[in-house]
Amino acid sequence: MFSKTVPLAGLSILSFILIACGTATDQSAMEETTPEPAATEEMDTTESQPLRAVARLEPTEGSTVSGVVTFEQLNGTVRIVADVSGLEPGVHGFHIHETGDCSAPDASSAGGHFNPQGYRHGAPGDDEHHAGDLGNIEAAEDGTAHLELEVDYITLASGETSVMGKAVIVHSDPDDFTTQPTGNAGSRLACGVIEADTGMREGS
Protein backbone atom coordinates (compact mmCIF):
# COMPACT_ATOMS: atom_id res chain seq x y z
CA MET A 1 0.00 0.00 0.00
CA PHE A 2 2.86 2.36 0.80
CA SER A 3 4.36 1.91 -2.66
CA LYS A 4 1.06 2.96 -4.34
CA THR A 5 0.54 6.04 -2.16
CA VAL A 6 3.91 7.66 -2.91
CA PRO A 7 3.43 8.06 -6.70
CA LEU A 8 -0.07 9.50 -6.18
CA ALA A 9 1.32 12.08 -3.76
CA GLY A 10 4.06 12.89 -6.23
CA LEU A 11 1.54 13.43 -9.00
CA SER A 12 -0.52 15.76 -6.79
CA ILE A 13 2.54 17.86 -5.98
CA LEU A 14 3.55 18.01 -9.65
CA SER A 15 0.03 19.09 -10.70
CA PHE A 16 0.03 21.86 -8.08
CA ILE A 17 3.39 23.18 -9.33
CA LEU A 18 2.22 23.17 -12.97
CA ILE A 19 -1.04 24.98 -12.11
CA ALA A 20 0.82 27.58 -10.03
CA CYS A 21 3.32 28.20 -12.84
CA GLY A 22 0.53 28.51 -15.38
CA THR A 23 -1.32 31.06 -13.24
CA ALA A 24 1.83 33.15 -12.75
CA THR A 25 2.54 33.04 -16.50
CA ASP A 26 -1.03 34.13 -17.35
CA GLN A 27 -0.89 37.03 -14.88
CA SER A 28 2.50 38.13 -16.21
CA ALA A 29 1.14 38.07 -19.77
CA MET A 30 -1.86 40.17 -18.73
CA GLU A 31 0.38 42.73 -17.06
CA GLU A 32 2.50 42.96 -20.22
CA THR A 33 -0.45 43.30 -22.62
CA THR A 34 -2.73 45.58 -20.55
CA PRO A 35 -2.22 49.10 -21.96
CA GLU A 36 -1.43 51.95 -19.64
CA PRO A 37 -4.26 54.47 -19.37
CA ALA A 38 -3.72 57.38 -21.76
CA ALA A 39 -2.56 60.52 -20.01
CA THR A 40 -5.29 63.11 -19.95
CA GLU A 41 -4.02 66.50 -20.96
CA GLU A 42 -6.00 69.27 -19.35
CA MET A 43 -6.60 72.25 -21.60
CA ASP A 44 -7.27 75.74 -20.37
CA THR A 45 -9.72 77.00 -22.96
CA THR A 46 -9.59 80.48 -21.52
CA GLU A 47 -5.87 80.68 -22.26
CA SER A 48 -5.62 78.81 -25.54
CA GLN A 49 -8.94 79.39 -27.29
CA PRO A 50 -10.20 82.95 -26.85
CA LEU A 51 -13.81 83.65 -27.75
CA ARG A 52 -14.38 86.01 -30.66
CA ALA A 53 -17.37 87.92 -32.01
CA VAL A 54 -18.19 90.70 -34.45
CA ALA A 55 -20.91 93.29 -34.97
CA ARG A 56 -21.24 94.68 -38.49
CA LEU A 57 -22.78 98.12 -38.23
CA GLU A 58 -25.38 99.11 -40.81
CA PRO A 59 -26.82 102.63 -41.17
CA THR A 60 -30.27 103.46 -39.88
CA GLU A 61 -32.75 105.32 -42.09
CA GLY A 62 -31.24 108.58 -43.38
CA SER A 63 -27.77 107.77 -41.99
CA THR A 64 -24.53 106.96 -43.81
CA VAL A 65 -22.72 105.50 -40.79
CA SER A 66 -21.34 101.97 -41.01
CA GLY A 67 -18.47 99.97 -39.53
CA VAL A 68 -17.21 96.87 -37.79
CA VAL A 69 -16.80 96.18 -34.09
CA THR A 70 -14.82 93.13 -33.01
CA PHE A 71 -14.74 91.47 -29.61
CA GLU A 72 -12.08 89.12 -28.26
CA GLN A 73 -12.16 87.52 -24.83
CA LEU A 74 -8.98 86.32 -23.18
CA ASN A 75 -7.87 86.05 -19.53
CA GLY A 76 -11.10 87.41 -18.08
CA THR A 77 -11.35 90.60 -20.14
CA VAL A 78 -12.95 91.52 -23.45
CA ARG A 79 -10.99 93.59 -25.96
CA ILE A 80 -13.21 95.74 -28.18
CA VAL A 81 -11.95 97.27 -31.42
CA ALA A 82 -14.28 99.55 -33.41
CA ASP A 83 -13.80 101.12 -36.82
CA VAL A 84 -16.63 103.37 -37.95
CA SER A 85 -17.07 105.68 -40.95
CA GLY A 86 -19.63 108.21 -42.18
CA LEU A 87 -19.82 110.13 -38.88
CA GLU A 88 -19.93 113.85 -38.30
CA PRO A 89 -16.61 114.94 -36.77
CA GLY A 90 -16.76 114.87 -32.99
CA VAL A 91 -17.86 112.61 -30.15
CA HIS A 92 -20.64 110.03 -30.37
CA GLY A 93 -22.25 107.73 -27.83
CA PHE A 94 -21.27 104.09 -28.20
CA HIS A 95 -23.31 101.42 -26.43
CA ILE A 96 -24.39 97.78 -26.35
CA HIS A 97 -28.17 97.50 -26.38
CA GLU A 98 -30.28 94.73 -24.90
CA THR A 99 -31.90 93.23 -28.01
CA GLY A 100 -30.13 91.94 -31.09
CA ASP A 101 -32.69 93.36 -33.50
CA CYS A 102 -31.75 96.18 -35.90
CA SER A 103 -34.82 95.80 -38.10
CA ALA A 104 -36.59 99.05 -37.19
CA PRO A 105 -35.69 102.01 -39.46
CA ASP A 106 -34.39 103.94 -36.42
CA ALA A 107 -33.00 100.81 -34.66
CA SER A 108 -35.47 101.28 -31.82
CA SER A 109 -35.99 97.51 -32.04
CA ALA A 110 -32.63 97.10 -30.27
CA GLY A 111 -34.24 98.31 -27.03
CA GLY A 112 -32.43 100.15 -24.25
CA HIS A 113 -28.89 99.79 -22.95
CA PHE A 114 -27.85 96.28 -21.95
CA ASN A 115 -28.21 96.44 -18.17
CA PRO A 116 -28.73 92.99 -16.58
CA GLN A 117 -27.80 94.17 -13.06
CA GLY A 118 -30.19 97.13 -13.06
CA TYR A 119 -27.43 99.72 -12.50
CA ARG A 120 -27.56 103.45 -13.20
CA HIS A 121 -26.12 104.71 -16.46
CA GLY A 122 -22.55 105.99 -16.30
CA ALA A 123 -19.08 106.01 -17.81
CA PRO A 124 -17.17 102.73 -18.22
CA GLY A 125 -14.82 103.71 -15.39
CA ASP A 126 -17.56 104.59 -12.89
CA ASP A 127 -18.27 102.39 -9.88
CA GLU A 128 -21.76 101.78 -11.28
CA HIS A 129 -22.79 101.74 -14.93
CA HIS A 130 -24.68 99.63 -17.42
CA ALA A 131 -22.92 96.56 -18.80
CA GLY A 132 -23.60 98.13 -22.20
CA ASP A 133 -21.96 101.48 -21.39
CA LEU A 134 -18.88 101.69 -23.61
CA GLY A 135 -18.54 105.48 -23.46
CA ASN A 136 -17.96 107.54 -26.60
CA ILE A 137 -16.23 107.12 -29.92
CA GLU A 138 -14.60 110.17 -31.54
CA ALA A 139 -14.67 110.82 -35.27
CA ALA A 140 -11.93 112.72 -37.10
CA GLU A 141 -12.53 115.40 -39.78
CA ASP A 142 -12.95 112.70 -42.42
CA GLY A 143 -15.76 111.07 -40.46
CA THR A 144 -13.81 107.97 -39.45
CA ALA A 145 -13.41 106.78 -35.86
CA HIS A 146 -11.26 104.12 -34.26
CA LEU A 147 -11.62 102.87 -30.70
CA GLU A 148 -9.78 100.21 -28.72
CA LEU A 149 -11.16 99.36 -25.29
CA GLU A 150 -10.59 96.54 -22.83
CA VAL A 151 -13.25 95.84 -20.20
CA ASP A 152 -13.92 93.21 -17.56
CA TYR A 153 -17.64 93.74 -16.97
CA ILE A 154 -18.98 91.87 -19.98
CA THR A 155 -18.31 88.40 -21.40
CA LEU A 156 -18.69 86.50 -24.64
CA ALA A 157 -19.26 83.26 -22.74
CA SER A 158 -22.63 82.28 -21.34
CA GLY A 159 -23.86 84.14 -18.28
CA GLU A 160 -25.74 87.18 -17.07
CA THR A 161 -23.34 89.67 -18.64
CA SER A 162 -22.88 87.87 -21.96
CA VAL A 163 -23.22 90.27 -24.90
CA MET A 164 -23.63 87.57 -27.53
CA GLY A 165 -26.77 88.30 -29.54
CA LYS A 166 -26.99 91.88 -28.27
CA ALA A 167 -26.69 94.99 -30.49
CA VAL A 168 -24.04 97.70 -30.83
CA ILE A 169 -25.37 101.21 -31.42
CA VAL A 170 -23.54 104.37 -32.50
CA HIS A 171 -25.39 107.57 -31.57
CA SER A 172 -25.55 111.04 -33.07
CA ASP A 173 -24.51 112.94 -29.92
CA PRO A 174 -21.98 112.52 -27.10
CA ASP A 175 -22.89 110.46 -24.04
CA ASP A 176 -22.87 112.89 -21.09
CA PHE A 177 -22.60 109.97 -18.59
CA THR A 178 -25.17 111.69 -16.37
CA THR A 179 -28.61 111.75 -17.97
CA GLN A 180 -30.61 108.64 -17.01
CA PRO A 181 -30.89 106.14 -18.51
CA THR A 182 -29.44 107.03 -21.93
CA GLY A 183 -26.69 109.62 -21.44
CA ASN A 184 -28.66 111.96 -23.77
CA ALA A 185 -26.72 110.53 -26.70
CA GLY A 186 -29.32 111.34 -29.32
CA SER A 187 -30.58 109.31 -32.25
CA ARG A 188 -29.23 105.96 -33.42
CA LEU A 189 -27.03 106.23 -36.51
CA ALA A 190 -25.92 102.62 -36.94
CA CYS A 191 -26.75 99.22 -35.50
CA GLY A 192 -25.15 95.77 -35.63
CA VAL A 193 -25.84 92.46 -33.87
CA ILE A 194 -22.97 90.79 -31.96
CA GLU A 195 -22.43 87.33 -33.41
CA ALA A 196 -19.78 84.62 -33.10
CA ASP A 197 -16.99 85.07 -35.65
CA THR A 198 -15.13 81.81 -36.15
CA GLY A 199 -13.34 83.28 -39.13
CA MET A 200 -11.19 85.60 -37.01
CA ARG A 201 -7.56 84.59 -36.47
CA GLU A 202 -4.76 85.61 -34.18
CA GLY A 203 -3.26 88.90 -35.28
CA SER A 204 -6.17 89.70 -37.61
C-alpha atoms as a PDB file:
ATOM      1  CA  MET A   1       0.000   0.000   0.000  1.00  0.00           C
ATOM      2  CA  PHE A   2       2.858   2.356   0.797  1.00  0.00           C
ATOM      3  CA  SER A   3       4.364   1.912  -2.658  1.00  0.00           C
ATOM      4  CA  LYS A   4       1.059   2.963  -4.342  1.00  0.00           C
ATOM      5  CA  THR A   5       0.536   6.037  -2.160  1.00  0.00           C
ATOM      6  CA  VAL A   6       3.913   7.661  -2.914  1.00  0.00           C
ATOM      7  CA  PRO A   7       3.430   8.060  -6.696  1.00  0.00           C
ATOM      8  CA  LEU A   8      -0.066   9.495  -6.184  1.00  0.00           C
ATOM      9  CA  ALA A   9       1.316  12.076  -3.763  1.00  0.00           C
ATOM     10  CA  GLY A  10       4.062  12.890  -6.230  1.00  0.00           C
ATOM     11  CA  LEU A  11       1.540  13.427  -8.997  1.00  0.00           C
ATOM     12  CA  SER A  12      -0.524  15.755  -6.786  1.00  0.00           C
ATOM     13  CA  ILE A  13       2.544  17.859  -5.980  1.00  0.00           C
ATOM     14  CA  LEU A  14       3.549  18.007  -9.649  1.00  0.00           C
ATOM     15  CA  SER A  15       0.026  19.087 -10.700  1.00  0.00           C
ATOM     16  CA  PHE A  16       0.026  21.858  -8.085  1.00  0.00           C
ATOM     17  CA  ILE A  17       3.395  23.185  -9.334  1.00  0.00           C
ATOM     18  CA  LEU A  18       2.217  23.170 -12.970  1.00  0.00           C
ATOM     19  CA  ILE A  19      -1.040  24.978 -12.108  1.00  0.00           C
ATOM     20  CA  ALA A  20       0.823  27.577 -10.034  1.00  0.00           C
ATOM     21  CA  CYS A  21       3.319  28.199 -12.845  1.00  0.00           C
ATOM     22  CA  GLY A  22       0.534  28.513 -15.381  1.00  0.00           C
ATOM     23  CA  THR A  23      -1.325  31.058 -13.238  1.00  0.00           C
ATOM     24  CA  ALA A  24       1.829  33.149 -12.751  1.00  0.00           C
ATOM     25  CA  THR A  25       2.539  33.037 -16.495  1.00  0.00           C
ATOM     26  CA  ASP A  26      -1.026  34.127 -17.353  1.00  0.00           C
ATOM     27  CA  GLN A  27      -0.889  37.030 -14.881  1.00  0.00           C
ATOM     28  CA  SER A  28       2.497  38.126 -16.212  1.00  0.00           C
ATOM     29  CA  ALA A  29       1.145  38.073 -19.770  1.00  0.00           C
ATOM     30  CA  MET A  30      -1.862  40.172 -18.732  1.00  0.00           C
ATOM     31  CA  GLU A  31       0.383  42.733 -17.060  1.00  0.00           C
ATOM     32  CA  GLU A  32       2.500  42.956 -20.217  1.00  0.00           C
ATOM     33  CA  THR A  33      -0.454  43.301 -22.620  1.00  0.00           C
ATOM     34  CA  THR A  34      -2.726  45.578 -20.548  1.00  0.00           C
ATOM     35  CA  PRO A  35      -2.222  49.099 -21.958  1.00  0.00           C
ATOM     36  CA  GLU A  36      -1.426  51.952 -19.637  1.00  0.00           C
ATOM     37  CA  PRO A  37      -4.264  54.469 -19.365  1.00  0.00           C
ATOM     38  CA  ALA A  38      -3.716  57.376 -21.757  1.00  0.00           C
ATOM     39  CA  ALA A  39      -2.557  60.521 -20.010  1.00  0.00           C
ATOM     40  CA  THR A  40      -5.290  63.112 -19.955  1.00  0.00           C
ATOM     41  CA  GLU A  41      -4.017  66.495 -20.955  1.00  0.00           C
ATOM     42  CA  GLU A  42      -6.005  69.273 -19.349  1.00  0.00           C
ATOM     43  CA  MET A  43      -6.596  72.246 -21.596  1.00  0.00           C
ATOM     44  CA  ASP A  44      -7.271  75.743 -20.367  1.00  0.00           C
ATOM     45  CA  THR A  45      -9.724  76.997 -22.962  1.00  0.00           C
ATOM     46  CA  THR A  46      -9.593  80.483 -21.520  1.00  0.00           C
ATOM     47  CA  GLU A  47      -5.870  80.678 -22.257  1.00  0.00           C
ATOM     48  CA  SER A  48      -5.621  78.806 -25.544  1.00  0.00           C
ATOM     49  CA  GLN A  49      -8.935  79.393 -27.286  1.00  0.00           C
ATOM     50  CA  PRO A  50     -10.203  82.948 -26.852  1.00  0.00           C
ATOM     51  CA  LEU A  51     -13.814  83.646 -27.753  1.00  0.00           C
ATOM     52  CA  ARG A  52     -14.375  86.006 -30.660  1.00  0.00           C
ATOM     53  CA  ALA A  53     -17.366  87.923 -32.006  1.00  0.00           C
ATOM     54  CA  VAL A  54     -18.186  90.695 -34.450  1.00  0.00           C
ATOM     55  CA  ALA A  55     -20.915  93.294 -34.969  1.00  0.00           C
ATOM     56  CA  ARG A  56     -21.244  94.679 -38.491  1.00  0.00           C
ATOM     57  CA  LEU A  57     -22.778  98.125 -38.232  1.00  0.00           C
ATOM     58  CA  GLU A  58     -25.383  99.106 -40.810  1.00  0.00           C
ATOM     59  CA  PRO A  59     -26.817 102.632 -41.168  1.00  0.00           C
ATOM     60  CA  THR A  60     -30.266 103.460 -39.884  1.00  0.00           C
ATOM     61  CA  GLU A  61     -32.746 105.320 -42.089  1.00  0.00           C
ATOM     62  CA  GLY A  62     -31.240 108.582 -43.380  1.00  0.00           C
ATOM     63  CA  SER A  63     -27.768 107.774 -41.988  1.00  0.00           C
ATOM     64  CA  THR A  64     -24.530 106.964 -43.805  1.00  0.00           C
ATOM     65  CA  VAL A  65     -22.725 105.496 -40.786  1.00  0.00           C
ATOM     66  CA  SER A  66     -21.336 101.972 -41.010  1.00  0.00           C
ATOM     67  CA  GLY A  67     -18.475  99.974 -39.527  1.00  0.00           C
ATOM     68  CA  VAL A  68     -17.211  96.869 -37.792  1.00  0.00           C
ATOM     69  CA  VAL A  69     -16.802  96.178 -34.085  1.00  0.00           C
ATOM     70  CA  THR A  70     -14.819  93.126 -33.011  1.00  0.00           C
ATOM     71  CA  PHE A  71     -14.744  91.465 -29.606  1.00  0.00           C
ATOM     72  CA  GLU A  72     -12.080  89.118 -28.263  1.00  0.00           C
ATOM     73  CA  GLN A  73     -12.163  87.520 -24.829  1.00  0.00           C
ATOM     74  CA  LEU A  74      -8.980  86.315 -23.178  1.00  0.00           C
ATOM     75  CA  ASN A  75      -7.869  86.046 -19.532  1.00  0.00           C
ATOM     76  CA  GLY A  76     -11.103  87.407 -18.084  1.00  0.00           C
ATOM     77  CA  THR A  77     -11.353  90.598 -20.141  1.00  0.00           C
ATOM     78  CA  VAL A  78     -12.954  91.521 -23.450  1.00  0.00           C
ATOM     79  CA  ARG A  79     -10.994  93.594 -25.958  1.00  0.00           C
ATOM     80  CA  ILE A  80     -13.208  95.739 -28.182  1.00  0.00           C
ATOM     81  CA  VAL A  81     -11.954  97.275 -31.423  1.00  0.00           C
ATOM     82  CA  ALA A  82     -14.279  99.552 -33.405  1.00  0.00           C
ATOM     83  CA  ASP A  83     -13.796 101.121 -36.825  1.00  0.00           C
ATOM     84  CA  VAL A  84     -16.633 103.367 -37.954  1.00  0.00           C
ATOM     85  CA  SER A  85     -17.065 105.684 -40.951  1.00  0.00           C
ATOM     86  CA  GLY A  86     -19.631 108.211 -42.175  1.00  0.00           C
ATOM     87  CA  LEU A  87     -19.816 110.132 -38.885  1.00  0.00           C
ATOM     88  CA  GLU A  88     -19.934 113.851 -38.299  1.00  0.00           C
ATOM     89  CA  PRO A  89     -16.608 114.938 -36.771  1.00  0.00           C
ATOM     90  CA  GLY A  90     -16.755 114.871 -32.989  1.00  0.00           C
ATOM     91  CA  VAL A  91     -17.857 112.613 -30.146  1.00  0.00           C
ATOM     92  CA  HIS A  92     -20.641 110.028 -30.374  1.00  0.00           C
ATOM     93  CA  GLY A  93     -22.248 107.729 -27.832  1.00  0.00           C
ATOM     94  CA  PHE A  94     -21.270 104.085 -28.202  1.00  0.00           C
ATOM     95  CA  HIS A  95     -23.311 101.420 -26.428  1.00  0.00           C
ATOM     96  CA  ILE A  96     -24.386  97.783 -26.353  1.00  0.00           C
ATOM     97  CA  HIS A  97     -28.174  97.501 -26.377  1.00  0.00           C
ATOM     98  CA  GLU A  98     -30.282  94.734 -24.900  1.00  0.00           C
ATOM     99  CA  THR A  99     -31.903  93.233 -28.011  1.00  0.00           C
ATOM    100  CA  GLY A 100     -30.131  91.941 -31.093  1.00  0.00           C
ATOM    101  CA  ASP A 101     -32.686  93.361 -33.499  1.00  0.00           C
ATOM    102  CA  CYS A 102     -31.749  96.176 -35.896  1.00  0.00           C
ATOM    103  CA  SER A 103     -34.820  95.796 -38.105  1.00  0.00           C
ATOM    104  CA  ALA A 104     -36.587  99.052 -37.194  1.00  0.00           C
ATOM    105  CA  PRO A 105     -35.689 102.011 -39.457  1.00  0.00           C
ATOM    106  CA  ASP A 106     -34.390 103.936 -36.423  1.00  0.00           C
ATOM    107  CA  ALA A 107     -33.003 100.808 -34.664  1.00  0.00           C
ATOM    108  CA  SER A 108     -35.471 101.281 -31.821  1.00  0.00           C
ATOM    109  CA  SER A 109     -35.993  97.506 -32.039  1.00  0.00           C
ATOM    110  CA  ALA A 110     -32.634  97.105 -30.267  1.00  0.00           C
ATOM    111  CA  GLY A 111     -34.244  98.309 -27.031  1.00  0.00           C
ATOM    112  CA  GLY A 112     -32.427 100.148 -24.247  1.00  0.00           C
ATOM    113  CA  HIS A 113     -28.894  99.793 -22.945  1.00  0.00           C
ATOM    114  CA  PHE A 114     -27.848  96.279 -21.948  1.00  0.00           C
ATOM    115  CA  ASN A 115     -28.215  96.437 -18.166  1.00  0.00           C
ATOM    116  CA  PRO A 116     -28.734  92.988 -16.579  1.00  0.00           C
ATOM    117  CA  GLN A 117     -27.800  94.169 -13.063  1.00  0.00           C
ATOM    118  CA  GLY A 118     -30.193  97.131 -13.061  1.00  0.00           C
ATOM    119  CA  TYR A 119     -27.433  99.719 -12.499  1.00  0.00           C
ATOM    120  CA  ARG A 120     -27.555 103.446 -13.202  1.00  0.00           C
ATOM    121  CA  HIS A 121     -26.120 104.708 -16.457  1.00  0.00           C
ATOM    122  CA  GLY A 122     -22.549 105.986 -16.301  1.00  0.00           C
ATOM    123  CA  ALA A 123     -19.078 106.009 -17.813  1.00  0.00           C
ATOM    124  CA  PRO A 124     -17.173 102.731 -18.215  1.00  0.00           C
ATOM    125  CA  GLY A 125     -14.821 103.706 -15.390  1.00  0.00           C
ATOM    126  CA  ASP A 126     -17.561 104.595 -12.894  1.00  0.00           C
ATOM    127  CA  ASP A 127     -18.267 102.394  -9.883  1.00  0.00           C
ATOM    128  CA  GLU A 128     -21.755 101.776 -11.279  1.00  0.00           C
ATOM    129  CA  HIS A 129     -22.791 101.741 -14.926  1.00  0.00           C
ATOM    130  CA  HIS A 130     -24.677  99.633 -17.420  1.00  0.00           C
ATOM    131  CA  ALA A 131     -22.923  96.561 -18.804  1.00  0.00           C
ATOM    132  CA  GLY A 132     -23.604  98.133 -22.200  1.00  0.00           C
ATOM    133  CA  ASP A 133     -21.964 101.476 -21.388  1.00  0.00           C
ATOM    134  CA  LEU A 134     -18.875 101.687 -23.606  1.00  0.00           C
ATOM    135  CA  GLY A 135     -18.538 105.482 -23.456  1.00  0.00           C
ATOM    136  CA  ASN A 136     -17.959 107.535 -26.602  1.00  0.00           C
ATOM    137  CA  ILE A 137     -16.230 107.116 -29.915  1.00  0.00           C
ATOM    138  CA  GLU A 138     -14.603 110.169 -31.538  1.00  0.00           C
ATOM    139  CA  ALA A 139     -14.669 110.823 -35.274  1.00  0.00           C
ATOM    140  CA  ALA A 140     -11.927 112.722 -37.103  1.00  0.00           C
ATOM    141  CA  GLU A 141     -12.535 115.401 -39.776  1.00  0.00           C
ATOM    142  CA  ASP A 142     -12.953 112.704 -42.417  1.00  0.00           C
ATOM    143  CA  GLY A 143     -15.761 111.065 -40.456  1.00  0.00           C
ATOM    144  CA  THR A 144     -13.808 107.972 -39.446  1.00  0.00           C
ATOM    145  CA  ALA A 145     -13.410 106.776 -35.862  1.00  0.00           C
ATOM    146  CA  HIS A 146     -11.261 104.118 -34.262  1.00  0.00           C
ATOM    147  CA  LEU A 147     -11.618 102.869 -30.702  1.00  0.00           C
ATOM    148  CA  GLU A 148      -9.783 100.207 -28.719  1.00  0.00           C
ATOM    149  CA  LEU A 149     -11.162  99.363 -25.294  1.00  0.00           C
ATOM    150  CA  GLU A 150     -10.592  96.543 -22.825  1.00  0.00           C
ATOM    151  CA  VAL A 151     -13.254  95.840 -20.198  1.00  0.00           C
ATOM    152  CA  ASP A 152     -13.922  93.206 -17.560  1.00  0.00           C
ATOM    153  CA  TYR A 153     -17.636  93.744 -16.965  1.00  0.00           C
ATOM    154  CA  ILE A 154     -18.984  91.872 -19.984  1.00  0.00           C
ATOM    155  CA  THR A 155     -18.308  88.399 -21.396  1.00  0.00           C
ATOM    156  CA  LEU A 156     -18.685  86.498 -24.644  1.00  0.00           C
ATOM    157  CA  ALA A 157     -19.257  83.263 -22.739  1.00  0.00           C
ATOM    158  CA  SER A 158     -22.628  82.277 -21.337  1.00  0.00           C
ATOM    159  CA  GLY A 159     -23.859  84.143 -18.282  1.00  0.00           C
ATOM    160  CA  GLU A 160     -25.740  87.181 -17.075  1.00  0.00           C
ATOM    161  CA  THR A 161     -23.339  89.674 -18.636  1.00  0.00           C
ATOM    162  CA  SER A 162     -22.877  87.871 -21.963  1.00  0.00           C
ATOM    163  CA  VAL A 163     -23.223  90.275 -24.900  1.00  0.00           C
ATOM    164  CA  MET A 164     -23.634  87.574 -27.532  1.00  0.00           C
ATOM    165  CA  GLY A 165     -26.766  88.297 -29.544  1.00  0.00           C
ATOM    166  CA  LYS A 166     -26.993  91.883 -28.269  1.00  0.00           C
ATOM    167  CA  ALA A 167     -26.691  94.989 -30.490  1.00  0.00           C
ATOM    168  CA  VAL A 168     -24.045  97.697 -30.826  1.00  0.00           C
ATOM    169  CA  ILE A 169     -25.374 101.213 -31.420  1.00  0.00           C
ATOM    170  CA  VAL A 170     -23.540 104.369 -32.500  1.00  0.00           C
ATOM    171  CA  HIS A 171     -25.391 107.571 -31.575  1.00  0.00           C
ATOM    172  CA  SER A 172     -25.553 111.036 -33.072  1.00  0.00           C
ATOM    173  CA  ASP A 173     -24.515 112.937 -29.923  1.00  0.00           C
ATOM    174  CA  PRO A 174     -21.982 112.517 -27.102  1.00  0.00           C
ATOM    175  CA  ASP A 175     -22.894 110.461 -24.037  1.00  0.00           C
ATOM    176  CA  ASP A 176     -22.871 112.887 -21.094  1.00  0.00           C
ATOM    177  CA  PHE A 177     -22.599 109.968 -18.588  1.00  0.00           C
ATOM    178  CA  THR A 178     -25.167 111.688 -16.374  1.00  0.00           C
ATOM    179  CA  THR A 179     -28.611 111.746 -17.975  1.00  0.00           C
ATOM    180  CA  GLN A 180     -30.614 108.643 -17.011  1.00  0.00           C
ATOM    181  CA  PRO A 181     -30.895 106.142 -18.509  1.00  0.00           C
ATOM    182  CA  THR A 182     -29.441 107.034 -21.928  1.00  0.00           C
ATOM    183  CA  GLY A 183     -26.691 109.618 -21.442  1.00  0.00           C
ATOM    184  CA  ASN A 184     -28.658 111.962 -23.765  1.00  0.00           C
ATOM    185  CA  ALA A 185     -26.719 110.525 -26.701  1.00  0.00           C
ATOM    186  CA  GLY A 186     -29.323 111.340 -29.319  1.00  0.00           C
ATOM    187  CA  SER A 187     -30.577 109.312 -32.250  1.00  0.00           C
ATOM    188  CA  ARG A 188     -29.234 105.965 -33.417  1.00  0.00           C
ATOM    189  CA  LEU A 189     -27.030 106.234 -36.510  1.00  0.00           C
ATOM    190  CA  ALA A 190     -25.921 102.615 -36.942  1.00  0.00           C
ATOM    191  CA  CYS A 191     -26.747  99.216 -35.496  1.00  0.00           C
ATOM    192  CA  GLY A 192     -25.148  95.766 -35.626  1.00  0.00           C
ATOM    193  CA  VAL A 193     -25.836  92.455 -33.874  1.00  0.00           C
ATOM    194  CA  ILE A 194     -22.971  90.790 -31.958  1.00  0.00           C
ATOM    195  CA  GLU A 195     -22.433  87.330 -33.411  1.00  0.00           C
ATOM    196  CA  ALA A 196     -19.783  84.624 -33.104  1.00  0.00           C
ATOM    197  CA  ASP A 197     -16.995  85.068 -35.652  1.00  0.00           C
ATOM    198  CA  THR A 198     -15.135  81.814 -36.148  1.00  0.00           C
ATOM    199  CA  GLY A 199     -13.337  83.276 -39.135  1.00  0.00           C
ATOM    200  CA  MET A 200     -11.188  85.595 -37.009  1.00  0.00           C
ATOM    201  CA  ARG A 201      -7.555  84.594 -36.474  1.00  0.00           C
ATOM    202  CA  GLU A 202      -4.760  85.607 -34.175  1.00  0.00           C
ATOM    203  CA  GLY A 203      -3.264  88.896 -35.283  1.00  0.00           C
ATOM    204  CA  SER A 204      -6.174  89.703 -37.615  1.00  0.00           C
END
